[in-house]
N, C-alpha and C. Protein backbone atom coordinates (compact mmCIF):
# COMPACT_ATOMS: atom_id res chain seq x y z
N MET A 1 21.11 95.13 15.05
CA MET A 1 20.87 93.88 14.76
C MET A 1 20.56 92.91 15.61
N PHE A 2 20.81 92.95 16.64
CA PHE A 2 20.34 91.35 17.32
C PHE A 2 19.49 91.94 18.60
N LYS A 3 18.47 90.92 18.53
CA LYS A 3 17.47 91.71 20.19
C LYS A 3 17.28 90.57 20.57
N ARG A 4 17.61 90.42 22.05
CA ARG A 4 16.53 89.44 23.04
C ARG A 4 15.48 89.38 23.30
N SER A 5 14.80 88.19 22.96
CA SER A 5 13.19 87.98 23.40
C SER A 5 12.69 88.63 24.99
N GLU A 6 11.64 89.18 24.60
CA GLU A 6 11.70 89.61 25.70
C GLU A 6 10.48 88.65 26.17
N GLN A 7 10.45 87.42 26.33
CA GLN A 7 10.25 86.24 27.36
C GLN A 7 11.39 85.47 27.32
N ASP A 8 12.20 85.90 27.43
CA ASP A 8 13.73 85.44 27.90
C ASP A 8 13.99 85.55 29.36
N LYS A 9 13.57 85.06 30.54
CA LYS A 9 13.53 85.37 32.01
C LYS A 9 14.86 84.57 32.44
N ARG A 10 15.85 84.33 31.71
CA ARG A 10 16.73 83.65 32.69
C ARG A 10 17.22 84.42 33.49
N ALA A 11 18.15 84.38 34.28
CA ALA A 11 18.94 85.38 35.23
C ALA A 11 19.93 85.83 34.34
N GLN A 12 20.11 87.28 34.66
CA GLN A 12 21.16 88.06 34.82
C GLN A 12 22.59 87.43 34.96
N VAL A 13 23.72 87.66 34.32
CA VAL A 13 24.83 87.45 34.53
C VAL A 13 26.28 88.50 34.00
N GLN A 14 26.27 89.38 35.60
CA GLN A 14 27.49 90.08 34.32
C GLN A 14 29.02 90.19 33.67
N ILE A 15 29.34 90.26 32.81
CA ILE A 15 30.62 89.85 32.44
C ILE A 15 31.13 91.03 31.86
N PHE A 16 32.18 91.15 31.53
CA PHE A 16 32.82 93.05 31.31
C PHE A 16 33.87 92.65 30.01
N VAL A 17 33.38 93.62 29.27
CA VAL A 17 34.21 93.35 27.59
C VAL A 17 34.85 94.54 27.87
N ASP A 18 35.64 94.47 27.50
CA ASP A 18 37.26 95.26 27.37
C ASP A 18 37.02 96.15 28.14
N GLY A 19 36.97 95.64 29.45
CA GLY A 19 36.51 96.49 30.51
C GLY A 19 35.14 97.12 30.71
N VAL A 20 34.18 97.09 30.18
CA VAL A 20 32.85 97.68 30.52
C VAL A 20 31.97 96.72 30.83
N ALA A 21 31.31 96.49 31.79
CA ALA A 21 30.30 95.53 32.46
C ALA A 21 29.21 95.51 31.18
N VAL A 22 28.78 94.16 31.05
CA VAL A 22 27.38 94.04 29.67
C VAL A 22 27.10 92.78 30.54
N ALA A 23 25.65 93.34 30.13
CA ALA A 23 24.65 91.94 30.96
C ALA A 23 24.60 91.44 29.97
N ALA A 24 24.57 89.96 30.10
CA ALA A 24 24.55 88.38 29.98
C ALA A 24 23.01 87.74 30.23
N ARG A 25 23.16 86.41 29.84
CA ARG A 25 21.90 85.55 30.52
C ARG A 25 22.51 84.56 30.78
N GLN A 26 22.44 83.98 31.84
CA GLN A 26 22.76 82.78 32.40
C GLN A 26 22.56 81.53 31.21
N GLY A 27 23.56 81.07 30.63
CA GLY A 27 23.30 79.74 29.69
C GLY A 27 24.04 80.33 27.81
N ASP A 28 23.86 82.07 28.35
CA ASP A 28 24.20 82.37 26.89
C ASP A 28 25.92 82.08 26.66
N THR A 29 26.68 82.39 25.60
CA THR A 29 27.55 81.51 25.02
C THR A 29 28.18 83.16 24.92
N VAL A 30 29.48 83.12 24.77
CA VAL A 30 30.58 84.43 24.90
C VAL A 30 30.06 84.95 23.67
N SER A 31 29.95 84.41 22.67
CA SER A 31 29.46 85.34 21.03
C SER A 31 28.44 85.73 21.55
N ALA A 32 27.10 84.83 21.82
CA ALA A 32 25.64 85.46 22.04
C ALA A 32 25.54 86.33 22.77
N ALA A 33 26.26 86.75 24.14
CA ALA A 33 25.80 87.35 24.63
C ALA A 33 26.91 89.25 24.25
N LEU A 34 27.79 88.66 23.19
CA LEU A 34 28.76 89.40 22.42
C LEU A 34 27.62 90.57 21.70
N LEU A 35 27.32 89.95 21.07
CA LEU A 35 25.88 89.98 20.06
C LEU A 35 24.74 90.74 20.13
N ALA A 36 24.03 90.29 21.42
CA ALA A 36 23.46 90.62 21.88
C ALA A 36 23.08 92.21 22.51
N SER A 37 25.02 92.32 22.96
CA SER A 37 25.51 93.58 23.87
C SER A 37 24.59 94.82 22.85
N GLY A 38 24.82 94.85 21.64
CA GLY A 38 24.78 96.05 20.94
C GLY A 38 26.08 96.64 20.98
N ARG A 39 27.16 96.24 21.09
CA ARG A 39 28.21 96.85 21.47
C ARG A 39 29.12 96.47 19.90
N ASP A 40 29.92 97.07 19.53
CA ASP A 40 30.61 96.51 18.17
C ASP A 40 31.94 95.63 18.81
N VAL A 41 31.25 94.51 18.28
CA VAL A 41 32.75 93.08 18.72
C VAL A 41 33.42 93.02 17.32
N ARG A 42 33.19 93.48 16.70
CA ARG A 42 34.36 92.45 15.24
C ARG A 42 35.67 92.85 15.67
N ARG A 43 36.07 91.55 15.42
CA ARG A 43 37.78 91.01 16.24
C ARG A 43 38.65 91.47 14.79
N SER A 44 39.85 91.26 14.61
CA SER A 44 40.29 91.79 13.00
C SER A 44 41.27 90.63 13.26
N THR A 45 40.95 90.32 11.82
CA THR A 45 42.51 89.22 11.54
C THR A 45 44.07 89.34 11.76
N ALA A 46 44.33 88.64 11.85
CA ALA A 46 45.90 88.41 12.20
C ALA A 46 46.66 88.76 10.90
N VAL A 47 46.31 88.61 9.47
CA VAL A 47 46.75 88.74 8.35
C VAL A 47 47.00 90.28 7.91
N SER A 48 45.48 90.31 7.67
CA SER A 48 44.91 91.41 6.46
C SER A 48 44.34 92.86 7.86
N GLY A 49 43.88 92.55 8.80
CA GLY A 49 43.12 93.14 9.59
C GLY A 49 41.53 92.82 9.51
N ALA A 50 41.48 92.40 8.54
CA ALA A 50 39.87 92.10 8.10
C ALA A 50 38.76 92.12 9.26
N PRO A 51 37.78 92.63 9.37
CA PRO A 51 36.81 92.66 10.63
C PRO A 51 35.98 91.23 10.36
N ARG A 52 35.90 90.56 11.68
CA ARG A 52 35.31 89.43 11.69
C ARG A 52 34.26 89.46 13.01
N LEU A 53 33.01 88.65 12.74
CA LEU A 53 32.06 88.87 13.64
C LEU A 53 31.75 86.92 14.12
N PRO A 54 30.91 86.54 15.18
CA PRO A 54 30.76 85.29 15.12
C PRO A 54 30.18 85.16 14.34
N TYR A 55 30.40 83.72 13.19
CA TYR A 55 29.79 83.34 12.26
C TYR A 55 28.91 82.11 12.48
N CYS A 56 29.35 81.07 12.65
CA CYS A 56 28.80 79.41 12.70
C CYS A 56 27.79 78.95 13.81
N MET A 57 28.47 79.88 14.79
CA MET A 57 27.97 79.87 16.44
C MET A 57 27.98 78.47 17.08
N MET A 58 29.42 77.48 16.15
CA MET A 58 29.56 75.80 16.52
C MET A 58 30.56 75.35 16.52
N GLY A 59 31.53 76.60 16.44
CA GLY A 59 32.90 76.28 16.43
C GLY A 59 33.50 75.82 15.53
N VAL A 60 33.39 75.69 14.26
CA VAL A 60 33.92 75.73 12.75
C VAL A 60 34.33 76.64 12.35
N CYS A 61 34.45 77.94 11.85
CA CYS A 61 35.05 78.99 10.98
C CYS A 61 35.81 79.45 12.23
N PHE A 62 35.93 79.74 13.62
CA PHE A 62 36.84 80.44 14.41
C PHE A 62 36.53 81.81 14.18
N ASP A 63 35.79 82.41 13.48
CA ASP A 63 35.83 84.42 13.09
C ASP A 63 35.07 84.83 15.01
N CYS A 64 35.13 84.14 15.78
CA CYS A 64 34.52 83.96 16.66
C CYS A 64 35.49 84.61 18.04
N LEU A 65 37.12 84.22 17.81
CA LEU A 65 37.89 84.18 18.96
C LEU A 65 38.09 85.32 19.75
N VAL A 66 38.21 85.44 20.65
CA VAL A 66 38.50 86.40 21.85
C VAL A 66 39.62 86.05 23.13
N THR A 67 39.80 86.47 24.14
CA THR A 67 40.44 86.40 24.70
C THR A 67 39.70 86.41 26.37
N ILE A 68 39.55 85.23 26.83
CA ILE A 68 38.65 85.06 28.11
C ILE A 68 39.66 85.00 29.21
N ASP A 69 39.43 85.93 30.27
CA ASP A 69 39.81 85.27 31.52
C ASP A 69 41.68 85.41 31.16
N GLY A 70 42.18 86.48 30.62
CA GLY A 70 43.53 86.19 29.96
C GLY A 70 43.68 85.28 29.12
N VAL A 71 43.33 84.55 28.18
CA VAL A 71 43.82 83.44 27.72
C VAL A 71 43.13 83.69 26.20
N GLY A 72 43.72 83.68 25.57
CA GLY A 72 43.71 84.21 23.94
C GLY A 72 43.01 82.98 22.93
N ASN A 73 42.88 83.69 21.82
CA ASN A 73 42.47 82.52 20.70
C ASN A 73 41.63 81.56 21.71
N ARG A 74 40.35 81.80 22.28
CA ARG A 74 39.26 81.52 22.74
C ARG A 74 38.42 81.29 21.66
N GLN A 75 37.35 80.02 21.28
CA GLN A 75 36.32 80.19 20.35
C GLN A 75 34.76 80.73 21.18
N GLY A 76 34.46 81.75 21.31
CA GLY A 76 33.49 82.57 22.13
C GLY A 76 32.15 81.86 22.07
N CYS A 77 32.27 80.68 20.90
CA CYS A 77 30.97 80.48 20.47
C CYS A 77 30.70 79.61 21.25
N LEU A 78 31.96 78.64 21.58
CA LEU A 78 31.67 77.35 22.96
C LEU A 78 31.84 77.55 24.16
N VAL A 79 32.23 78.98 24.68
CA VAL A 79 32.05 79.23 25.77
C VAL A 79 31.04 79.55 26.37
N PRO A 80 30.47 78.92 27.61
CA PRO A 80 29.31 79.62 28.43
C PRO A 80 29.97 81.14 29.10
N VAL A 81 28.94 81.70 29.52
CA VAL A 81 29.37 83.01 30.06
C VAL A 81 28.82 82.68 31.21
N ALA A 82 30.07 83.44 32.52
CA ALA A 82 30.20 83.12 33.82
C ALA A 82 30.15 84.63 34.73
N GLU A 83 29.84 84.77 35.62
CA GLU A 83 29.35 85.48 36.54
C GLU A 83 31.22 86.36 36.53
N GLY A 84 31.55 87.61 36.15
CA GLY A 84 32.64 88.22 36.18
C GLY A 84 33.24 88.05 35.11
N MET A 85 33.47 87.26 34.27
CA MET A 85 33.99 86.72 33.24
C MET A 85 34.88 88.23 32.38
N GLN A 86 36.22 88.21 32.25
CA GLN A 86 36.54 89.55 31.13
C GLN A 86 37.00 89.02 29.78
N ILE A 87 36.55 89.42 28.92
CA ILE A 87 36.12 89.61 27.69
C ILE A 87 37.39 90.26 26.72
N GLU A 88 38.13 90.23 26.18
CA GLU A 88 38.43 91.38 25.48
C GLU A 88 38.68 90.65 23.87
N ILE A 89 38.04 91.90 22.85
CA ILE A 89 37.90 91.63 21.94
C ILE A 89 39.21 91.67 21.38
N GLN A 90 39.96 90.44 20.27
CA GLN A 90 41.15 90.20 19.68
C GLN A 90 40.92 91.51 18.38
N LYS A 91 42.47 92.17 18.42
CA LYS A 91 42.75 93.13 17.18
C LYS A 91 44.13 92.22 16.97
N GLY A 92 43.97 91.70 15.80
CA GLY A 92 45.17 91.01 15.03
C GLY A 92 45.44 89.57 15.85
N LYS A 93 46.90 89.37 15.92
CA LYS A 93 47.49 88.06 16.33
C LYS A 93 47.50 88.23 18.03
N ARG A 94 47.15 87.08 18.45
CA ARG A 94 47.20 87.15 20.14
C ARG A 94 48.76 87.18 20.65
N GLU A 95 48.79 88.29 21.42
CA GLU A 95 50.27 88.33 22.47
C GLU A 95 50.60 86.89 22.91
N ILE A 96 52.08 86.84 22.93
CA ILE A 96 52.61 85.45 23.35
C ILE A 96 52.44 85.57 24.78
N GLY A 97 51.84 84.51 25.01
CA GLY A 97 51.99 84.74 26.50
C GLY A 97 50.21 84.62 27.22
N ARG A 98 49.25 84.61 26.20
CA ARG A 98 47.98 85.50 26.41
C ARG A 98 47.23 84.31 26.02
């Protein structure tokens, strides 16, 4: 659904999504990198389990919640990727202490 422009010459950054290496670009937000990866990055809501994808990409809707480097409920659309970043797609509510 989403495809990177061939004109995008930014340096690559390696991140890990649910333990799998994914190539991102320097300056990407976590949500942009997830959408561009082609992977199924739908999280599920805590109450109904409904699938969600990043939507507004500006921090308003909270549909992009992920766990980043062990910290849950982070808005992926507001966090820039960093080399080696560990990202987990949230399935339901976050665990206590994460």
